[in-house]
Amino acid sequence: MCGFISFAVMTGLIYGRFAKPTSFLVFSDHAVIAPYRGGTGFMFRFASYKDNHTLTDLDIRVNAALLVHENGQSSYKFYDLALERSKIDSLPMNWTVVHPIDAKSPLVGFTEDDLKAADLEVYVLIRGFDDVFSNFVLRRTSYTYREIHFNRKFVPMYRESEDGKTTILEINKINEHQSVEPVMSTLK
């Protein structure tokens, strides 16, 4: 009897260790500063790359770390970036996450050189429910000032099928962006 119980406990521990829920998300390699609703916005995108792993109840948090010089000392300060939308019910395709750069944004008035001097890094945390694992999954990434491109916008990464009945997600286009008219020399 002790042998069966020991075997059951060991099997449960091994299964629990190696069957951790995994989020099958791919992020764009770069973030962009692009025109957005008459101003500018900081944007990046991600998508689920595995069939039958549609995430639901997604919640996203984005924070920025900036090197601030105050009273003769330098220290990093962290800011929550307000998003156009921070929660969605389902992720069937891709999601372009947008932080509008407005008067409330800590990035307002920054140039490319300012972002470099502030050693900007943007941290991303995504939490969603995966029906396959019947559990919540987490995924993290970040973008440094070197990975942020000004005056660029993402190209669409989906198209309609030839018969017009389905929409096809082209994951290979997740990193594709194109040049746009300069927004301004500073973020507004």
N, C-alpha and C. Protein backbone atom coordinates (compact mmCIF):
# COMPACT_ATOMS: atom_id res chain seq x y z
N MET A 1 0.82 -1.19 0.00
CA MET A 1 0.00 0.00 0.00
C MET A 1 0.87 1.27 0.00
N CYS A 2 1.94 1.26 0.81
CA CYS A 2 2.84 2.43 0.86
C CYS A 2 3.51 2.63 -0.50
N GLY A 3 3.82 1.57 -1.19
CA GLY A 3 4.43 1.68 -2.52
C GLY A 3 3.50 2.36 -3.50
N PHE A 4 2.20 2.01 -3.50
CA PHE A 4 1.24 2.65 -4.40
C PHE A 4 1.07 4.13 -4.07
N ILE A 5 1.02 4.44 -2.77
CA ILE A 5 0.86 5.84 -2.36
C ILE A 5 2.10 6.64 -2.76
N SER A 6 3.28 6.09 -2.54
CA SER A 6 4.52 6.77 -2.92
C SER A 6 4.58 7.00 -4.42
N PHE A 7 4.18 5.99 -5.19
CA PHE A 7 4.16 6.10 -6.65
C PHE A 7 3.18 7.18 -7.09
N ALA A 8 2.00 7.24 -6.47
CA ALA A 8 0.98 8.24 -6.84
C ALA A 8 1.48 9.64 -6.52
N VAL A 9 2.11 9.82 -5.35
CA VAL A 9 2.62 11.14 -4.98
C VAL A 9 3.73 11.58 -5.93
N MET A 10 4.65 10.70 -6.24
CA MET A 10 5.75 11.03 -7.15
C MET A 10 5.23 11.35 -8.55
N THR A 11 4.26 10.59 -9.02
CA THR A 11 3.67 10.86 -10.33
C THR A 11 3.02 12.24 -10.35
N GLY A 12 2.29 12.59 -9.31
CA GLY A 12 1.65 13.91 -9.22
C GLY A 12 2.67 15.04 -9.19
N LEU A 13 3.74 14.86 -8.43
CA LEU A 13 4.77 15.90 -8.36
C LEU A 13 5.48 16.08 -9.70
N ILE A 14 5.80 15.00 -10.35
CA ILE A 14 6.48 15.09 -11.65
C ILE A 14 5.55 15.71 -12.69
N TYR A 15 4.29 15.31 -12.71
CA TYR A 15 3.33 15.89 -13.65
C TYR A 15 3.17 17.38 -13.39
N GLY A 16 3.05 17.75 -12.11
CA GLY A 16 2.89 19.16 -11.77
C GLY A 16 4.09 20.00 -12.17
N ARG A 17 5.26 19.42 -12.10
CA ARG A 17 6.48 20.15 -12.45
C ARG A 17 6.61 20.36 -13.96
N PHE A 18 6.30 19.34 -14.74
CA PHE A 18 6.54 19.42 -16.19
C PHE A 18 5.31 19.80 -17.00
N ALA A 19 4.16 19.89 -16.39
CA ALA A 19 2.94 20.25 -17.11
C ALA A 19 2.49 21.67 -16.77
N LYS A 20 3.47 22.57 -16.62
CA LYS A 20 3.13 23.95 -16.32
C LYS A 20 2.43 24.58 -17.52
N PRO A 21 1.40 25.39 -17.24
CA PRO A 21 0.74 26.09 -18.35
C PRO A 21 1.72 27.02 -19.05
N THR A 22 1.68 27.03 -20.36
CA THR A 22 2.57 27.87 -21.17
C THR A 22 1.73 28.76 -22.07
N SER A 23 2.09 30.03 -22.12
CA SER A 23 1.41 30.93 -23.04
C SER A 23 2.13 30.88 -24.37
N PHE A 24 1.40 30.66 -25.41
CA PHE A 24 1.99 30.58 -26.75
C PHE A 24 1.78 31.92 -27.45
N LEU A 25 2.51 32.93 -26.97
CA LEU A 25 2.40 34.28 -27.52
C LEU A 25 3.72 34.68 -28.14
N VAL A 26 3.63 35.41 -29.24
CA VAL A 26 4.81 35.98 -29.88
C VAL A 26 4.61 37.50 -29.94
N PHE A 27 5.66 38.24 -29.59
CA PHE A 27 5.61 39.69 -29.55
C PHE A 27 6.38 40.27 -30.74
N SER A 28 6.01 41.48 -31.12
CA SER A 28 6.80 42.18 -32.14
C SER A 28 8.18 42.47 -31.56
N ASP A 29 9.20 42.42 -32.41
CA ASP A 29 10.56 42.68 -31.96
C ASP A 29 10.78 44.14 -31.58
N HIS A 30 9.98 45.02 -32.16
CA HIS A 30 10.13 46.44 -31.92
C HIS A 30 8.79 47.05 -31.55
N ALA A 31 8.85 48.14 -30.82
CA ALA A 31 7.69 48.99 -30.59
C ALA A 31 7.83 50.19 -31.52
N VAL A 32 6.73 50.86 -31.78
CA VAL A 32 6.77 52.01 -32.68
C VAL A 32 6.09 53.21 -32.04
N ILE A 33 6.52 54.38 -32.46
CA ILE A 33 5.85 55.63 -32.14
C ILE A 33 5.19 56.05 -33.44
N ALA A 34 3.86 56.07 -33.44
CA ALA A 34 3.11 56.29 -34.67
C ALA A 34 1.99 57.29 -34.44
N PRO A 35 1.48 57.87 -35.54
CA PRO A 35 0.30 58.74 -35.40
C PRO A 35 -0.85 57.95 -34.79
N TYR A 36 -1.59 58.63 -33.91
CA TYR A 36 -2.72 57.98 -33.26
C TYR A 36 -3.75 59.03 -32.86
N ARG A 37 -4.90 59.00 -33.51
CA ARG A 37 -6.03 59.87 -33.19
C ARG A 37 -5.64 61.34 -33.04
N GLY A 38 -4.95 61.87 -34.03
CA GLY A 38 -4.58 63.27 -34.03
C GLY A 38 -3.34 63.59 -33.21
N GLY A 39 -2.77 62.61 -32.58
CA GLY A 39 -1.54 62.80 -31.80
C GLY A 39 -0.58 61.68 -32.12
N THR A 40 0.08 61.18 -31.10
CA THR A 40 0.98 60.04 -31.27
C THR A 40 0.66 58.98 -30.24
N GLY A 41 1.17 57.79 -30.51
CA GLY A 41 0.99 56.68 -29.58
C GLY A 41 2.19 55.76 -29.60
N PHE A 42 2.46 55.17 -28.45
CA PHE A 42 3.47 54.12 -28.32
C PHE A 42 2.75 52.80 -28.54
N MET A 43 3.24 51.96 -29.49
CA MET A 43 2.52 50.74 -29.86
C MET A 43 3.46 49.55 -29.99
N PHE A 44 2.95 48.39 -29.62
CA PHE A 44 3.58 47.11 -29.92
C PHE A 44 2.45 46.11 -30.13
N ARG A 45 2.77 44.95 -30.64
CA ARG A 45 1.70 43.98 -30.85
C ARG A 45 2.16 42.57 -30.55
N PHE A 46 1.18 41.71 -30.35
CA PHE A 46 1.45 40.31 -30.08
C PHE A 46 0.29 39.48 -30.59
N ALA A 47 0.54 38.18 -30.71
CA ALA A 47 -0.48 37.25 -31.20
C ALA A 47 -0.21 35.87 -30.62
N SER A 48 -1.25 35.06 -30.59
CA SER A 48 -1.12 33.67 -30.18
C SER A 48 -0.72 32.87 -31.42
N TYR A 49 0.32 32.04 -31.29
CA TYR A 49 0.84 31.35 -32.47
C TYR A 49 0.51 29.87 -32.51
N LYS A 50 -0.27 29.37 -31.60
CA LYS A 50 -0.59 27.95 -31.61
C LYS A 50 -2.09 27.76 -31.77
N ASP A 51 -2.46 26.87 -32.68
CA ASP A 51 -3.88 26.59 -32.88
C ASP A 51 -4.49 26.02 -31.61
N ASN A 52 -5.76 26.29 -31.42
CA ASN A 52 -6.55 25.77 -30.30
C ASN A 52 -6.04 26.25 -28.95
N HIS A 53 -5.28 27.33 -28.92
CA HIS A 53 -4.84 27.91 -27.65
C HIS A 53 -5.31 29.36 -27.60
N THR A 54 -6.59 29.56 -27.79
CA THR A 54 -7.15 30.89 -27.72
C THR A 54 -7.21 31.32 -26.26
N LEU A 55 -6.61 32.43 -25.97
CA LEU A 55 -6.64 32.95 -24.61
C LEU A 55 -7.89 33.80 -24.42
N THR A 56 -8.46 33.73 -23.22
CA THR A 56 -9.63 34.54 -22.89
C THR A 56 -9.31 35.35 -21.64
N ASP A 57 -10.13 36.36 -21.41
CA ASP A 57 -10.01 37.20 -20.23
C ASP A 57 -8.58 37.75 -20.08
N LEU A 58 -8.06 38.33 -21.16
CA LEU A 58 -6.69 38.86 -21.15
C LEU A 58 -6.64 40.21 -20.46
N ASP A 59 -5.61 40.36 -19.65
CA ASP A 59 -5.36 41.60 -18.93
C ASP A 59 -3.90 41.97 -19.17
N ILE A 60 -3.63 43.24 -19.48
CA ILE A 60 -2.26 43.65 -19.78
C ILE A 60 -1.89 44.86 -18.93
N ARG A 61 -0.66 44.85 -18.44
CA ARG A 61 -0.10 45.99 -17.70
C ARG A 61 1.20 46.39 -18.37
N VAL A 62 1.38 47.69 -18.54
CA VAL A 62 2.58 48.21 -19.18
C VAL A 62 3.15 49.31 -18.28
N ASN A 63 4.43 49.17 -17.95
CA ASN A 63 5.12 50.14 -17.10
C ASN A 63 6.37 50.64 -17.82
N ALA A 64 6.74 51.88 -17.51
CA ALA A 64 7.95 52.46 -18.10
C ALA A 64 8.92 52.82 -16.98
N ALA A 65 10.19 52.50 -17.20
CA ALA A 65 11.25 52.90 -16.26
C ALA A 65 12.08 53.98 -16.94
N LEU A 66 12.21 55.11 -16.25
CA LEU A 66 12.95 56.25 -16.77
C LEU A 66 14.01 56.68 -15.76
N LEU A 67 15.20 56.98 -16.25
CA LEU A 67 16.26 57.51 -15.41
C LEU A 67 16.00 59.00 -15.23
N VAL A 68 15.76 59.40 -13.98
CA VAL A 68 15.39 60.79 -13.68
C VAL A 68 16.51 61.42 -12.85
N HIS A 69 16.88 62.65 -13.21
CA HIS A 69 17.91 63.39 -12.48
C HIS A 69 17.23 64.44 -11.61
N GLU A 70 17.31 64.25 -10.30
CA GLU A 70 16.71 65.19 -9.37
C GLU A 70 17.69 65.48 -8.23
N ASN A 71 17.81 66.75 -7.87
CA ASN A 71 18.65 67.18 -6.75
C ASN A 71 20.08 66.64 -6.86
N GLY A 72 20.60 66.60 -8.07
CA GLY A 72 21.97 66.14 -8.27
C GLY A 72 22.15 64.64 -8.22
N GLN A 73 21.07 63.90 -8.13
CA GLN A 73 21.17 62.44 -8.09
C GLN A 73 20.32 61.84 -9.20
N SER A 74 20.76 60.68 -9.67
CA SER A 74 20.02 59.96 -10.71
C SER A 74 19.40 58.72 -10.11
N SER A 75 18.15 58.49 -10.43
CA SER A 75 17.47 57.27 -9.98
C SER A 75 16.39 56.91 -10.99
N TYR A 76 16.02 55.64 -10.99
CA TYR A 76 14.98 55.18 -11.90
C TYR A 76 13.61 55.36 -11.25
N LYS A 77 12.69 55.88 -12.03
CA LYS A 77 11.31 56.00 -11.58
C LYS A 77 10.45 55.16 -12.52
N PHE A 78 9.41 54.57 -11.95
CA PHE A 78 8.53 53.70 -12.70
C PHE A 78 7.16 54.34 -12.83
N TYR A 79 6.61 54.24 -14.03
CA TYR A 79 5.32 54.85 -14.33
C TYR A 79 4.41 53.81 -14.98
N ASP A 80 3.15 53.77 -14.55
CA ASP A 80 2.15 52.96 -15.25
C ASP A 80 1.76 53.71 -16.51
N LEU A 81 1.76 53.02 -17.65
CA LEU A 81 1.33 53.65 -18.90
C LEU A 81 -0.14 53.34 -19.12
N ALA A 82 -0.93 54.38 -19.23
CA ALA A 82 -2.36 54.21 -19.50
C ALA A 82 -2.52 53.69 -20.93
N LEU A 83 -3.36 52.68 -21.10
CA LEU A 83 -3.55 52.06 -22.41
C LEU A 83 -4.92 52.40 -22.97
N GLU A 84 -4.98 52.37 -24.30
CA GLU A 84 -6.26 52.56 -24.98
C GLU A 84 -7.24 51.50 -24.48
N ARG A 85 -6.76 50.28 -24.35
CA ARG A 85 -7.57 49.16 -23.85
C ARG A 85 -6.62 48.24 -23.08
N SER A 86 -6.94 47.93 -21.84
CA SER A 86 -6.06 47.09 -21.04
C SER A 86 -6.64 45.70 -20.79
N LYS A 87 -7.82 45.43 -21.31
CA LYS A 87 -8.45 44.13 -21.09
C LYS A 87 -9.30 43.77 -22.31
N ILE A 88 -9.21 42.52 -22.74
CA ILE A 88 -10.09 42.03 -23.79
C ILE A 88 -10.62 40.66 -23.37
N ASP A 89 -11.75 40.29 -23.93
CA ASP A 89 -12.38 39.02 -23.56
C ASP A 89 -11.74 37.82 -24.25
N SER A 90 -11.25 38.01 -25.48
CA SER A 90 -10.70 36.89 -26.24
C SER A 90 -9.64 37.40 -27.21
N LEU A 91 -8.66 36.54 -27.51
CA LEU A 91 -7.58 36.89 -28.44
C LEU A 91 -7.61 35.93 -29.62
N PRO A 92 -8.54 36.11 -30.56
CA PRO A 92 -8.59 35.21 -31.71
C PRO A 92 -7.56 35.54 -32.78
N MET A 93 -7.10 36.77 -32.85
CA MET A 93 -6.14 37.19 -33.88
C MET A 93 -4.91 37.79 -33.20
N ASN A 94 -4.63 39.04 -33.50
CA ASN A 94 -3.52 39.75 -32.87
C ASN A 94 -4.06 40.95 -32.11
N TRP A 95 -3.22 41.54 -31.30
CA TRP A 95 -3.62 42.72 -30.54
C TRP A 95 -2.50 43.74 -30.63
N THR A 96 -2.81 44.93 -31.12
CA THR A 96 -1.88 46.05 -31.11
C THR A 96 -2.19 46.87 -29.88
N VAL A 97 -1.27 46.88 -28.95
CA VAL A 97 -1.44 47.59 -27.68
C VAL A 97 -0.98 49.03 -27.90
N VAL A 98 -1.82 49.99 -27.47
CA VAL A 98 -1.54 51.41 -27.71
C VAL A 98 -1.55 52.18 -26.40
N HIS A 99 -0.49 52.93 -26.19
CA HIS A 99 -0.43 53.93 -25.11
C HIS A 99 -0.50 55.30 -25.78
N PRO A 100 -1.64 56.01 -25.65
CA PRO A 100 -1.72 57.34 -26.24
C PRO A 100 -0.77 58.30 -25.52
N ILE A 101 0.05 58.99 -26.28
CA ILE A 101 0.99 59.95 -25.69
C ILE A 101 0.29 61.30 -25.67
N ASP A 102 -0.28 61.60 -24.51
CA ASP A 102 -1.02 62.84 -24.33
C ASP A 102 -0.46 63.57 -23.11
N ALA A 103 -1.18 64.57 -22.63
CA ALA A 103 -0.69 65.39 -21.52
C ALA A 103 -0.46 64.56 -20.25
N LYS A 104 -1.14 63.44 -20.07
CA LYS A 104 -1.00 62.61 -18.87
C LYS A 104 0.14 61.60 -18.99
N SER A 105 0.68 61.43 -20.17
CA SER A 105 1.71 60.42 -20.41
C SER A 105 3.08 60.88 -19.89
N PRO A 106 3.84 59.98 -19.26
CA PRO A 106 5.20 60.35 -18.85
C PRO A 106 6.15 60.51 -20.04
N LEU A 107 5.71 60.10 -21.24
CA LEU A 107 6.56 60.20 -22.43
C LEU A 107 6.31 61.48 -23.24
N VAL A 108 5.39 62.31 -22.81
CA VAL A 108 5.04 63.50 -23.58
C VAL A 108 6.25 64.44 -23.65
N GLY A 109 6.51 64.94 -24.86
CA GLY A 109 7.60 65.87 -25.09
C GLY A 109 8.96 65.23 -25.28
N PHE A 110 9.06 63.91 -25.23
CA PHE A 110 10.35 63.23 -25.37
C PHE A 110 10.71 63.08 -26.84
N THR A 111 12.00 63.33 -27.14
CA THR A 111 12.55 63.04 -28.46
C THR A 111 13.27 61.70 -28.39
N GLU A 112 13.77 61.24 -29.51
CA GLU A 112 14.54 59.99 -29.51
C GLU A 112 15.76 60.12 -28.60
N ASP A 113 16.42 61.26 -28.65
CA ASP A 113 17.59 61.48 -27.80
C ASP A 113 17.20 61.50 -26.31
N ASP A 114 16.03 62.06 -26.01
CA ASP A 114 15.55 62.07 -24.62
C ASP A 114 15.30 60.66 -24.11
N LEU A 115 14.74 59.80 -24.96
CA LEU A 115 14.49 58.42 -24.56
C LEU A 115 15.80 57.70 -24.26
N LYS A 116 16.81 57.99 -25.06
CA LYS A 116 18.13 57.38 -24.83
C LYS A 116 18.74 57.90 -23.54
N ALA A 117 18.68 59.21 -23.32
CA ALA A 117 19.25 59.80 -22.10
C ALA A 117 18.53 59.29 -20.85
N ALA A 118 17.23 59.03 -20.97
CA ALA A 118 16.45 58.52 -19.84
C ALA A 118 16.57 57.01 -19.69
N ASP A 119 17.29 56.35 -20.61
CA ASP A 119 17.47 54.90 -20.58
C ASP A 119 16.12 54.19 -20.43
N LEU A 120 15.16 54.61 -21.26
CA LEU A 120 13.79 54.09 -21.18
C LEU A 120 13.75 52.59 -21.41
N GLU A 121 12.99 51.91 -20.56
CA GLU A 121 12.63 50.51 -20.81
C GLU A 121 11.17 50.35 -20.44
N VAL A 122 10.42 49.73 -21.34
CA VAL A 122 9.00 49.51 -21.14
C VAL A 122 8.79 48.03 -20.83
N TYR A 123 8.14 47.76 -19.71
CA TYR A 123 7.88 46.39 -19.25
C TYR A 123 6.43 46.02 -19.51
N VAL A 124 6.23 44.81 -20.03
CA VAL A 124 4.90 44.34 -20.39
C VAL A 124 4.60 43.05 -19.63
N LEU A 125 3.41 42.97 -19.04
CA LEU A 125 2.94 41.75 -18.38
C LEU A 125 1.55 41.44 -18.89
N ILE A 126 1.39 40.22 -19.42
CA ILE A 126 0.09 39.77 -19.93
C ILE A 126 -0.35 38.57 -19.13
N ARG A 127 -1.61 38.59 -18.74
CA ARG A 127 -2.21 37.47 -17.99
C ARG A 127 -3.50 37.11 -18.69
N GLY A 128 -3.67 35.81 -18.97
CA GLY A 128 -4.88 35.36 -19.63
C GLY A 128 -5.22 33.93 -19.25
N PHE A 129 -6.46 33.56 -19.48
CA PHE A 129 -6.93 32.22 -19.16
C PHE A 129 -6.84 31.34 -20.40
N ASP A 130 -6.16 30.20 -20.28
CA ASP A 130 -6.01 29.25 -21.38
C ASP A 130 -6.94 28.07 -21.13
N ASP A 131 -7.90 27.86 -22.03
CA ASP A 131 -8.88 26.78 -21.86
C ASP A 131 -8.23 25.41 -21.92
N VAL A 132 -7.17 25.25 -22.68
CA VAL A 132 -6.52 23.94 -22.81
C VAL A 132 -5.94 23.50 -21.46
N PHE A 133 -5.25 24.41 -20.78
CA PHE A 133 -4.67 24.10 -19.48
C PHE A 133 -5.66 24.31 -18.35
N SER A 134 -6.77 25.00 -18.64
CA SER A 134 -7.76 25.35 -17.63
C SER A 134 -7.09 26.09 -16.47
N ASN A 135 -6.24 27.05 -16.84
CA ASN A 135 -5.49 27.79 -15.85
C ASN A 135 -5.05 29.12 -16.46
N PHE A 136 -4.65 30.05 -15.59
CA PHE A 136 -4.14 31.33 -16.07
C PHE A 136 -2.67 31.19 -16.45
N VAL A 137 -2.28 31.88 -17.51
CA VAL A 137 -0.90 31.88 -17.97
C VAL A 137 -0.41 33.33 -17.96
N LEU A 138 0.89 33.49 -17.76
CA LEU A 138 1.53 34.80 -17.74
C LEU A 138 2.61 34.86 -18.81
N ARG A 139 2.82 36.05 -19.32
CA ARG A 139 3.91 36.25 -20.27
C ARG A 139 4.46 37.66 -20.08
N ARG A 140 5.78 37.78 -20.08
CA ARG A 140 6.44 39.06 -19.89
C ARG A 140 7.38 39.35 -21.06
N THR A 141 7.55 40.63 -21.33
CA THR A 141 8.56 41.07 -22.29
C THR A 141 8.90 42.52 -21.96
N SER A 142 9.86 43.07 -22.66
CA SER A 142 10.19 44.48 -22.47
C SER A 142 10.75 45.05 -23.77
N TYR A 143 10.72 46.38 -23.85
CA TYR A 143 11.27 47.11 -24.98
C TYR A 143 12.18 48.21 -24.44
N THR A 144 13.43 48.22 -24.88
CA THR A 144 14.34 49.30 -24.49
C THR A 144 14.24 50.42 -25.52
N TYR A 145 14.88 51.55 -25.23
CA TYR A 145 14.82 52.68 -26.17
C TYR A 145 15.41 52.31 -27.53
N ARG A 146 16.32 51.33 -27.58
CA ARG A 146 16.90 50.89 -28.86
C ARG A 146 15.88 50.14 -29.72
N GLU A 147 14.85 49.61 -29.09
CA GLU A 147 13.85 48.80 -29.80
C GLU A 147 12.58 49.58 -30.12
N ILE A 148 12.64 50.89 -29.97
CA ILE A 148 11.49 51.75 -30.26
C ILE A 148 11.82 52.59 -31.49
N HIS A 149 10.98 52.48 -32.52
CA HIS A 149 11.20 53.20 -33.77
C HIS A 149 10.19 54.34 -33.91
N PHE A 150 10.70 55.52 -34.23
CA PHE A 150 9.85 56.69 -34.44
C PHE A 150 9.34 56.72 -35.89
N ASN A 151 8.16 57.32 -36.06
CA ASN A 151 7.57 57.56 -37.38
C ASN A 151 7.44 56.27 -38.19
N ARG A 152 6.97 55.23 -37.53
CA ARG A 152 6.71 53.94 -38.16
C ARG A 152 5.31 53.49 -37.74
N LYS A 153 4.69 52.65 -38.55
CA LYS A 153 3.42 52.04 -38.15
C LYS A 153 3.43 50.59 -38.60
N PHE A 154 2.71 49.76 -37.87
CA PHE A 154 2.63 48.34 -38.20
C PHE A 154 1.76 48.14 -39.43
N VAL A 155 2.14 47.18 -40.27
CA VAL A 155 1.32 46.81 -41.41
C VAL A 155 0.31 45.76 -40.95
N PRO A 156 -0.86 45.70 -41.56
CA PRO A 156 -1.84 44.67 -41.16
C PRO A 156 -1.26 43.27 -41.33
N MET A 157 -1.59 42.39 -40.42
CA MET A 157 -1.06 41.04 -40.48
C MET A 157 -2.15 39.99 -40.68
N TYR A 158 -3.24 40.42 -41.27
CA TYR A 158 -4.31 39.48 -41.58
C TYR A 158 -4.89 39.85 -42.94
N ARG A 159 -5.50 38.87 -43.55
CA ARG A 159 -6.13 39.09 -44.85
C ARG A 159 -7.34 38.17 -44.98
N GLU A 160 -8.17 38.48 -45.92
CA GLU A 160 -9.35 37.67 -46.17
C GLU A 160 -8.98 36.50 -47.09
N SER A 161 -9.58 35.35 -46.86
CA SER A 161 -9.31 34.19 -47.73
C SER A 161 -9.89 34.44 -49.12
N GLU A 162 -9.44 33.63 -50.08
CA GLU A 162 -9.89 33.81 -51.46
C GLU A 162 -11.39 33.66 -51.61
N ASP A 163 -11.98 32.76 -50.84
CA ASP A 163 -13.43 32.58 -50.94
C ASP A 163 -14.20 33.60 -50.11
N GLY A 164 -13.49 34.42 -49.33
CA GLY A 164 -14.13 35.48 -48.56
C GLY A 164 -14.84 35.00 -47.31
N LYS A 165 -14.61 33.77 -46.89
CA LYS A 165 -15.34 33.22 -45.75
C LYS A 165 -14.56 33.24 -44.43
N THR A 166 -13.24 33.40 -44.51
CA THR A 166 -12.44 33.40 -43.29
C THR A 166 -11.39 34.50 -43.35
N THR A 167 -10.88 34.81 -42.19
CA THR A 167 -9.78 35.77 -42.08
C THR A 167 -8.53 34.98 -41.71
N ILE A 168 -7.45 35.25 -42.41
CA ILE A 168 -6.21 34.51 -42.22
C ILE A 168 -5.20 35.42 -41.51
N LEU A 169 -4.68 34.96 -40.37
CA LEU A 169 -3.66 35.68 -39.62
C LEU A 169 -2.29 35.27 -40.16
N GLU A 170 -1.51 36.25 -40.58
CA GLU A 170 -0.18 35.99 -41.11
C GLU A 170 0.85 36.35 -40.04
N ILE A 171 1.17 35.37 -39.21
CA ILE A 171 2.08 35.56 -38.08
C ILE A 171 3.44 36.07 -38.53
N ASN A 172 3.87 35.71 -39.73
CA ASN A 172 5.18 36.15 -40.22
C ASN A 172 5.27 37.67 -40.40
N LYS A 173 4.14 38.37 -40.36
CA LYS A 173 4.15 39.83 -40.51
C LYS A 173 4.12 40.58 -39.18
N ILE A 174 4.29 39.87 -38.08
CA ILE A 174 4.17 40.54 -36.77
C ILE A 174 5.20 41.63 -36.58
N ASN A 175 6.36 41.52 -37.21
CA ASN A 175 7.42 42.52 -37.05
C ASN A 175 7.46 43.55 -38.16
N GLU A 176 6.58 43.46 -39.13
CA GLU A 176 6.64 44.36 -40.27
C GLU A 176 6.00 45.70 -39.94
N HIS A 177 6.76 46.76 -40.20
CA HIS A 177 6.24 48.12 -40.05
C HIS A 177 6.77 48.95 -41.20
N GLN A 178 6.11 50.06 -41.44
CA GLN A 178 6.48 50.92 -42.56
C GLN A 178 6.59 52.36 -42.09
N SER A 179 7.28 53.14 -42.89
CA SER A 179 7.50 54.54 -42.56
C SER A 179 6.21 55.34 -42.75
N VAL A 180 6.04 56.35 -41.91
CA VAL A 180 4.93 57.28 -42.05
C VAL A 180 5.49 58.69 -41.99
N GLU A 181 4.67 59.65 -42.33
CA GLU A 181 5.10 61.05 -42.25
C GLU A 181 5.56 61.34 -40.83
N PRO A 182 6.64 62.10 -40.69
CA PRO A 182 7.10 62.42 -39.33
C PRO A 182 6.00 63.06 -38.51
N VAL A 183 5.86 62.55 -37.30
CA VAL A 183 4.83 63.07 -36.41
C VAL A 183 5.21 64.46 -35.95
N MET A 184 6.38 64.60 -35.45
CA MET A 184 7.00 65.85 -35.01
C MET A 184 8.35 65.45 -34.46
N SER A 185 9.16 66.39 -34.11
CA SER A 185 10.45 66.05 -33.52
C SER A 185 10.29 65.58 -32.08
N THR A 186 9.18 65.97 -31.44
CA THR A 186 8.90 65.51 -30.07
C THR A 186 7.56 64.78 -30.06
N LEU A 187 7.38 63.98 -29.06
CA LEU A 187 6.13 63.24 -28.93
C LEU A 187 5.06 64.19 -28.41
N LYS A 188 3.93 64.22 -29.08
CA LYS A 188 2.83 65.08 -28.65
C LYS A 188 1.55 64.30 -28.61
